[in-house]
Amino acid sequence: MALKLLQPPKLEPITLGTAKNYLKLDHDDDDAFLNNLIKTARKAVEAFTGKCLIMQTWQFSVNSGFASALSDGTYLEGMRSRGKGGIELPKNPFIQLEGDPEIVDDYGHRTIKDFRLDQSGRTARLHFGPSIISLTEGRGVVNISFTVGYGNKVEDVPEPFSHAILIALANLYENRGGPANDNFLVPPALPQSAIDLLLPYRSARLK
């Protein structure tokens, strides 16, 4: 399995002005640094909760044999309103698929039509029919492109996430000067007060 970010969020859920007001800063000396910390804090919140805040597009790749083995044939045939098993998309909240899934193998890229999307649970899942095995003998890779997030505006993000980002941001800013990686401060664990805000929103991890 592999996960690749295709389209990052076009903005951060916290504006620079909001961050400076929260930190009570009235100068511009640290603006570039603060923008980096906002992104770092947002990523820490997303990693902890499994939730993507601002709209972003990802590609999830799985072996076709694995995808078929986890799929529920009775759900595919319309005999159930909710599937059992399936390929769970590892990011949420789910918005939409970006086109039909594709099979990639030695013969190139081919669109899969034999699938059904299940959105009845907390996470979106896909179920695939037997055609993905007949096409590849179980040796191909299924690519699923999908968009997730609460929306494309700052106000679309639930307030607890925004507040947790500000708490994490303040913690990072007050403890600046730590080791750096690609111009981003390596984040410590989220402060407990941020964790308390986020726990009700945390997604169950893939097993």
C-alpha atoms as a PDB file:
ATOM      1  CA  MET A   1       0.000   0.000   0.000  1.00  0.00           C
ATOM      2  CA  ALA A   2       1.152   3.533  -0.738  1.00  0.00           C
ATOM      3  CA  LEU A   3      -0.279   6.986  -0.160  1.00  0.00           C
ATOM      4  CA  LYS A   4       0.672  10.045  -2.216  1.00  0.00           C
ATOM      5  CA  LEU A   5      -0.446  13.661  -1.911  1.00  0.00           C
ATOM      6  CA  LEU A   6      -1.571  14.864  -5.344  1.00  0.00           C
ATOM      7  CA  GLN A   7      -2.971  18.301  -4.491  1.00  0.00           C
ATOM      8  CA  PRO A   8      -2.080  19.976  -1.183  1.00  0.00           C
ATOM      9  CA  PRO A   9      -4.471  22.381   0.533  1.00  0.00           C
ATOM     10  CA  LYS A  10      -4.548  25.797  -1.119  1.00  0.00           C
ATOM     11  CA  LEU A  11      -4.525  27.591   2.221  1.00  0.00           C
ATOM     12  CA  GLU A  12      -3.970  26.913   5.904  1.00  0.00           C
ATOM     13  CA  PRO A  13      -6.865  26.707   8.391  1.00  0.00           C
ATOM     14  CA  ILE A  14      -5.242  29.468  10.470  1.00  0.00           C
ATOM     15  CA  THR A  15      -4.358  32.826   8.918  1.00  0.00           C
ATOM     16  CA  LEU A  16      -1.164  34.648   9.767  1.00  0.00           C
ATOM     17  CA  GLY A  17      -3.208  37.449  11.323  1.00  0.00           C
ATOM     18  CA  THR A  18      -5.077  35.027  13.591  1.00  0.00           C
ATOM     19  CA  ALA A  19      -1.794  33.424  14.657  1.00  0.00           C
ATOM     20  CA  LYS A  20      -0.205  36.782  15.491  1.00  0.00           C
ATOM     21  CA  ASN A  21      -3.251  37.887  17.473  1.00  0.00           C
ATOM     22  CA  TYR A  22      -3.181  34.629  19.450  1.00  0.00           C
ATOM     23  CA  LEU A  23       0.546  35.037  20.163  1.00  0.00           C
ATOM     24  CA  LYS A  24       0.101  38.781  20.859  1.00  0.00           C
ATOM     25  CA  LEU A  25       2.722  39.739  18.272  1.00  0.00           C
ATOM     26  CA  ASP A  26       2.670  43.249  16.813  1.00  0.00           C
ATOM     27  CA  HIS A  27       5.740  43.000  14.533  1.00  0.00           C
ATOM     28  CA  ASP A  28       6.429  41.359  11.188  1.00  0.00           C
ATOM     29  CA  ASP A  29       9.902  40.001  11.925  1.00  0.00           C
ATOM     30  CA  ASP A  30       8.755  36.383  12.330  1.00  0.00           C
ATOM     31  CA  ASP A  31       6.051  36.250   9.641  1.00  0.00           C
ATOM     32  CA  ALA A  32       7.813  33.737   7.372  1.00  0.00           C
ATOM     33  CA  PHE A  33       8.720  31.589  10.372  1.00  0.00           C
ATOM     34  CA  LEU A  34       5.149  31.713  11.662  1.00  0.00           C
ATOM     35  CA  ASN A  35       3.776  30.604   8.299  1.00  0.00           C
ATOM     36  CA  ASN A  36       6.027  27.540   8.506  1.00  0.00           C
ATOM     37  CA  LEU A  37       4.907  26.837  12.066  1.00  0.00           C
ATOM     38  CA  ILE A  38       1.235  27.105  11.099  1.00  0.00           C
ATOM     39  CA  LYS A  39       1.796  24.413   8.469  1.00  0.00           C
ATOM     40  CA  THR A  40       3.739  22.252  10.929  1.00  0.00           C
ATOM     41  CA  ALA A  41       1.030  22.581  13.597  1.00  0.00           C
ATOM     42  CA  ARG A  42      -1.695  21.775  11.074  1.00  0.00           C
ATOM     43  CA  LYS A  43       0.153  18.652   9.925  1.00  0.00           C
ATOM     44  CA  ALA A  44       0.598  17.536  13.550  1.00  0.00           C
ATOM     45  CA  VAL A  45      -3.143  17.931  14.172  1.00  0.00           C
ATOM     46  CA  GLU A  46      -3.997  16.065  10.956  1.00  0.00           C
ATOM     47  CA  ALA A  47      -1.564  13.251  11.778  1.00  0.00           C
ATOM     48  CA  PHE A  48      -3.001  12.818  15.282  1.00  0.00           C
ATOM     49  CA  THR A  49      -6.654  12.839  14.249  1.00  0.00           C
ATOM     50  CA  GLY A  50      -6.453  11.229  10.808  1.00  0.00           C
ATOM     51  CA  LYS A  51      -8.564  14.149   9.559  1.00  0.00           C
ATOM     52  CA  CYS A  52      -7.654  16.455   6.666  1.00  0.00           C
ATOM     53  CA  LEU A  53      -8.833  19.974   7.374  1.00  0.00           C
ATOM     54  CA  ILE A  54      -8.716  21.981   4.131  1.00  0.00           C
ATOM     55  CA  MET A  55      -9.588  20.195   0.862  1.00  0.00           C
ATOM     56  CA  GLN A  56      -6.729  18.107  -0.543  1.00  0.00           C
ATOM     57  CA  THR A  57      -6.421  15.268  -3.044  1.00  0.00           C
ATOM     58  CA  TRP A  58      -4.624  11.986  -2.395  1.00  0.00           C
ATOM     59  CA  GLN A  59      -3.851   8.788  -4.288  1.00  0.00           C
ATOM     60  CA  PHE A  60      -4.062   5.463  -2.450  1.00  0.00           C
ATOM     61  CA  SER A  61      -2.449   2.451  -4.146  1.00  0.00           C
ATOM     62  CA  VAL A  62      -3.126  -1.184  -3.219  1.00  0.00           C
ATOM     63  CA  ASN A  63      -2.431  -4.572  -4.767  1.00  0.00           C
ATOM     64  CA  SER A  64      -5.357  -5.707  -6.916  1.00  0.00           C
ATOM     65  CA  GLY A  65      -5.458  -9.150  -5.307  1.00  0.00           C
ATOM     66  CA  PHE A  66      -5.604  -7.587  -1.850  1.00  0.00           C
ATOM     67  CA  ALA A  67      -8.359  -5.205  -2.990  1.00  0.00           C
ATOM     68  CA  SER A  68     -10.397  -8.101  -4.335  1.00  0.00           C
ATOM     69  CA  ALA A  69      -9.879 -10.265  -1.241  1.00  0.00           C
ATOM     70  CA  LEU A  70     -11.217  -7.551   1.081  1.00  0.00           C
ATOM     71  CA  SER A  71     -14.258  -6.764  -1.049  1.00  0.00           C
ATOM     72  CA  ASP A  72     -17.805  -7.842  -0.235  1.00  0.00           C
ATOM     73  CA  GLY A  73     -19.471  -9.493  -3.223  1.00  0.00           C
ATOM     74  CA  THR A  74     -22.964  -9.313  -1.743  1.00  0.00           C
ATOM     75  CA  TYR A  75     -22.588  -5.559  -1.269  1.00  0.00           C
ATOM     76  CA  LEU A  76     -21.415  -5.217  -4.865  1.00  0.00           C
ATOM     77  CA  GLU A  77     -24.546  -7.036  -6.000  1.00  0.00           C
ATOM     78  CA  GLY A  78     -26.768  -4.658  -4.022  1.00  0.00           C
ATOM     79  CA  MET A  79     -27.794  -7.250  -1.436  1.00  0.00           C
ATOM     80  CA  ARG A  80     -26.525  -5.167   1.491  1.00  0.00           C
ATOM     81  CA  SER A  81     -26.900  -1.478   2.342  1.00  0.00           C
ATOM     82  CA  ARG A  82     -23.476  -1.524   3.991  1.00  0.00           C
ATOM     83  CA  GLY A  83     -20.486  -3.534   2.904  1.00  0.00           C
ATOM     84  CA  LYS A  84     -18.372  -5.800   5.067  1.00  0.00           C
ATOM     85  CA  GLY A  85     -14.641  -5.133   4.828  1.00  0.00           C
ATOM     86  CA  GLY A  86     -13.535  -3.280   1.726  1.00  0.00           C
ATOM     87  CA  ILE A  87     -10.570  -1.025   1.044  1.00  0.00           C
ATOM     88  CA  GLU A  88     -10.671   1.769   3.601  1.00  0.00           C
ATOM     89  CA  LEU A  89      -9.481   5.139   2.338  1.00  0.00           C
ATOM     90  CA  PRO A  90      -6.911   6.267   4.931  1.00  0.00           C
ATOM     91  CA  LYS A  91      -7.824   9.968   4.861  1.00  0.00           C
ATOM     92  CA  ASN A  92     -11.097  11.659   5.748  1.00  0.00           C
ATOM     93  CA  PRO A  93     -13.581  13.350   5.847  1.00  0.00           C
ATOM     94  CA  PHE A  94     -14.287  11.989   2.380  1.00  0.00           C
ATOM     95  CA  ILE A  95     -15.622  14.360  -0.279  1.00  0.00           C
ATOM     96  CA  GLN A  96     -15.421  12.539  -3.601  1.00  0.00           C
ATOM     97  CA  LEU A  97     -13.514  10.193  -5.876  1.00  0.00           C
ATOM     98  CA  GLU A  98     -11.489  11.923  -8.562  1.00  0.00           C
ATOM     99  CA  GLY A  99     -12.624   9.663 -11.360  1.00  0.00           C
ATOM    100  CA  ASP A 100     -12.861   5.882 -11.425  1.00  0.00           C
ATOM    101  CA  PRO A 101     -10.037   3.821  -9.881  1.00  0.00           C
ATOM    102  CA  GLU A 102      -7.346   2.569 -12.257  1.00  0.00           C
ATOM    103  CA  ILE A 103      -5.446  -0.680 -12.667  1.00  0.00           C
ATOM    104  CA  VAL A 104      -1.745  -0.216 -13.388  1.00  0.00           C
ATOM    105  CA  ASP A 105       0.285  -3.171 -14.646  1.00  0.00           C
ATOM    106  CA  ASP A 106       2.591  -4.180 -17.498  1.00  0.00           C
ATOM    107  CA  TYR A 107      -0.176  -3.322 -19.959  1.00  0.00           C
ATOM    108  CA  GLY A 108      -0.479   0.281 -18.777  1.00  0.00           C
ATOM    109  CA  HIS A 109      -3.381   2.113 -17.117  1.00  0.00           C
ATOM    110  CA  ARG A 110      -6.953   0.836 -17.349  1.00  0.00           C
ATOM    111  CA  THR A 111     -10.082   2.249 -15.750  1.00  0.00           C
ATOM    112  CA  ILE A 112     -12.036   0.058 -13.314  1.00  0.00           C
ATOM    113  CA  LYS A 113     -15.821   0.195 -13.579  1.00  0.00           C
ATOM    114  CA  ASP A 114     -16.546  -2.869 -11.450  1.00  0.00           C
ATOM    115  CA  PHE A 115     -16.560  -1.267  -7.987  1.00  0.00           C
ATOM    116  CA  ARG A 116     -18.897   0.248  -5.406  1.00  0.00           C
ATOM    117  CA  LEU A 117     -18.244   3.065  -2.935  1.00  0.00           C
ATOM    118  CA  ASP A 118     -19.531   2.600   0.628  1.00  0.00           C
ATOM    119  CA  GLN A 119     -19.970   5.819   2.635  1.00  0.00           C
ATOM    120  CA  SER A 120     -22.232   4.386   5.327  1.00  0.00           C
ATOM    121  CA  GLY A 121     -19.508   4.288   8.002  1.00  0.00           C
ATOM    122  CA  ARG A 122     -17.149   6.869   9.489  1.00  0.00           C
ATOM    123  CA  THR A 123     -14.678   6.287   6.660  1.00  0.00           C
ATOM    124  CA  ALA A 124     -15.210   5.668   2.950  1.00  0.00           C
ATOM    125  CA  ARG A 125     -14.519   2.159   1.638  1.00  0.00           C
ATOM    126  CA  LEU A 126     -14.338   0.685  -1.853  1.00  0.00           C
ATOM    127  CA  HIS A 127     -15.385  -2.806  -2.900  1.00  0.00           C
ATOM    128  CA  PHE A 128     -14.103  -4.274  -6.159  1.00  0.00           C
ATOM    129  CA  GLY A 129     -15.557  -6.966  -8.367  1.00  0.00           C
ATOM    130  CA  PRO A 130     -13.759  -9.959  -9.935  1.00  0.00           C
ATOM    131  CA  SER A 131     -12.756  -8.020 -13.042  1.00  0.00           C
ATOM    132  CA  ILE A 132      -9.639  -6.650 -11.335  1.00  0.00           C
ATOM    133  CA  ILE A 133      -8.368 -10.220 -10.936  1.00  0.00           C
ATOM    134  CA  SER A 134      -9.281 -11.273 -14.457  1.00  0.00           C
ATOM    135  CA  LEU A 135      -7.525  -8.192 -15.815  1.00  0.00           C
ATOM    136  CA  THR A 136      -4.266  -8.651 -13.911  1.00  0.00           C
ATOM    137  CA  GLU A 137      -4.292 -12.124 -12.283  1.00  0.00           C
ATOM    138  CA  GLY A 138      -3.910 -10.290  -8.979  1.00  0.00           C
ATOM    139  CA  ARG A 139      -0.554  -8.748  -9.863  1.00  0.00           C
ATOM    140  CA  GLY A 140      -1.619  -5.214 -10.762  1.00  0.00           C
ATOM    141  CA  VAL A 141      -1.889  -2.130  -8.597  1.00  0.00           C
ATOM    142  CA  VAL A 142      -5.154  -0.288  -8.020  1.00  0.00           C
ATOM    143  CA  ASN A 143      -4.809   3.504  -7.831  1.00  0.00           C
ATOM    144  CA  ILE A 144      -7.629   5.383  -6.094  1.00  0.00           C
ATOM    145  CA  SER A 145      -7.604   9.191  -6.300  1.00  0.00           C
ATOM    146  CA  PHE A 146      -9.892  10.987  -3.852  1.00  0.00           C
ATOM    147  CA  THR A 147     -10.489  14.377  -2.256  1.00  0.00           C
ATOM    148  CA  VAL A 148     -10.954  14.901   1.472  1.00  0.00           C
ATOM    149  CA  GLY A 149     -11.393  17.811   3.870  1.00  0.00           C
ATOM    150  CA  TYR A 150     -13.999  19.899   5.651  1.00  0.00           C
ATOM    151  CA  GLY A 151     -14.064  22.499   2.874  1.00  0.00           C
ATOM    152  CA  ASN A 152     -11.903  25.006   1.019  1.00  0.00           C
ATOM    153  CA  LYS A 153     -12.336  27.952   3.390  1.00  0.00           C
ATOM    154  CA  VAL A 154     -10.927  28.704   6.845  1.00  0.00           C
ATOM    155  CA  GLU A 155     -14.428  28.935   8.325  1.00  0.00           C
ATOM    156  CA  ASP A 156     -15.244  25.394   7.133  1.00  0.00           C
ATOM    157  CA  VAL A 157     -12.842  23.883   9.684  1.00  0.00           C
ATOM    158  CA  PRO A 158     -14.472  22.937  13.027  1.00  0.00           C
ATOM    159  CA  GLU A 159     -13.392  25.276  15.827  1.00  0.00           C
ATOM    160  CA  PRO A 160     -11.729  22.592  18.014  1.00  0.00           C
ATOM    161  CA  PHE A 161      -9.228  21.878  15.223  1.00  0.00           C
ATOM    162  CA  SER A 162      -8.440  25.571  14.769  1.00  0.00           C
ATOM    163  CA  HIS A 163      -7.976  26.039  18.518  1.00  0.00           C
ATOM    164  CA  ALA A 164      -5.737  22.964  18.744  1.00  0.00           C
ATOM    165  CA  ILE A 165      -3.575  24.316  15.911  1.00  0.00           C
ATOM    166  CA  LEU A 166      -3.183  27.604  17.777  1.00  0.00           C
ATOM    167  CA  ILE A 167      -2.189  25.763  20.969  1.00  0.00           C
ATOM    168  CA  ALA A 168       0.361  23.674  19.043  1.00  0.00           C
ATOM    169  CA  LEU A 169       1.596  26.784  17.240  1.00  0.00           C
ATOM    170  CA  ALA A 170       2.157  28.626  20.517  1.00  0.00           C
ATOM    171  CA  ASN A 171       4.032  25.618  21.887  1.00  0.00           C
ATOM    172  CA  LEU A 172       6.261  25.504  18.806  1.00  0.00           C
ATOM    173  CA  TYR A 173       6.877  29.242  18.831  1.00  0.00           C
ATOM    174  CA  GLU A 174       7.723  29.361  22.524  1.00  0.00           C
ATOM    175  CA  ASN A 175      10.112  26.410  22.118  1.00  0.00           C
ATOM    176  CA  ARG A 176      11.679  27.560  18.835  1.00  0.00           C
ATOM    177  CA  GLY A 177      15.332  26.925  18.233  1.00  0.00           C
ATOM    178  CA  GLY A 178      15.066  23.123  18.141  1.00  0.00           C
ATOM    179  CA  PRO A 179      16.369  20.892  15.325  1.00  0.00           C
ATOM    180  CA  ALA A 180      15.190  21.761  11.822  1.00  0.00           C
ATOM    181  CA  ASN A 181      14.373  19.654   8.798  1.00  0.00           C
ATOM    182  CA  ASP A 182      13.746  21.227   5.368  1.00  0.00           C
ATOM    183  CA  ASN A 183      13.200  24.628   7.008  1.00  0.00           C
ATOM    184  CA  PHE A 184      10.436  23.285   9.277  1.00  0.00           C
ATOM    185  CA  LEU A 185      10.834  22.945  13.008  1.00  0.00           C
ATOM    186  CA  VAL A 186      10.539  19.312  14.050  1.00  0.00           C
ATOM    187  CA  PRO A 187       7.327  19.329  16.128  1.00  0.00           C
ATOM    188  CA  PRO A 188       7.227  17.954  19.653  1.00  0.00           C
ATOM    189  CA  ALA A 189       4.225  15.970  20.795  1.00  0.00           C
ATOM    190  CA  LEU A 190       1.005  17.949  20.804  1.00  0.00           C
ATOM    191  CA  PRO A 191       0.377  19.663  24.145  1.00  0.00           C
ATOM    192  CA  GLN A 192      -2.131  17.833  26.324  1.00  0.00           C
ATOM    193  CA  SER A 193      -4.634  20.676  26.065  1.00  0.00           C
ATOM    194  CA  ALA A 194      -4.623  20.283  22.264  1.00  0.00           C
ATOM    195  CA  ILE A 195      -4.962  16.505  22.563  1.00  0.00           C
ATOM    196  CA  ASP A 196      -7.988  16.914  24.836  1.00  0.00           C
ATOM    197  CA  LEU A 197      -9.689  19.014  22.162  1.00  0.00           C
ATOM    198  CA  LEU A 198      -8.887  16.545  19.383  1.00  0.00           C
ATOM    199  CA  LEU A 199      -9.614  13.179  20.998  1.00  0.00           C
ATOM    200  CA  PRO A 200     -13.351  13.160  20.102  1.00  0.00           C
ATOM    201  CA  TYR A 201     -12.411  13.629  16.439  1.00  0.00           C
ATOM    202  CA  ARG A 202      -9.655  11.047  16.225  1.00  0.00           C
ATOM    203  CA  SER A 203     -10.167   8.370  13.578  1.00  0.00           C
ATOM    204  CA  ALA A 204      -9.521   4.698  14.275  1.00  0.00           C
ATOM    205  CA  ARG A 205      -6.263   3.589  12.709  1.00  0.00           C
ATOM    206  CA  LEU A 206      -6.114   1.092   9.861  1.00  0.00           C
ATOM    207  CA  LYS A 207      -5.418  -2.445  11.075  1.00  0.00           C
END
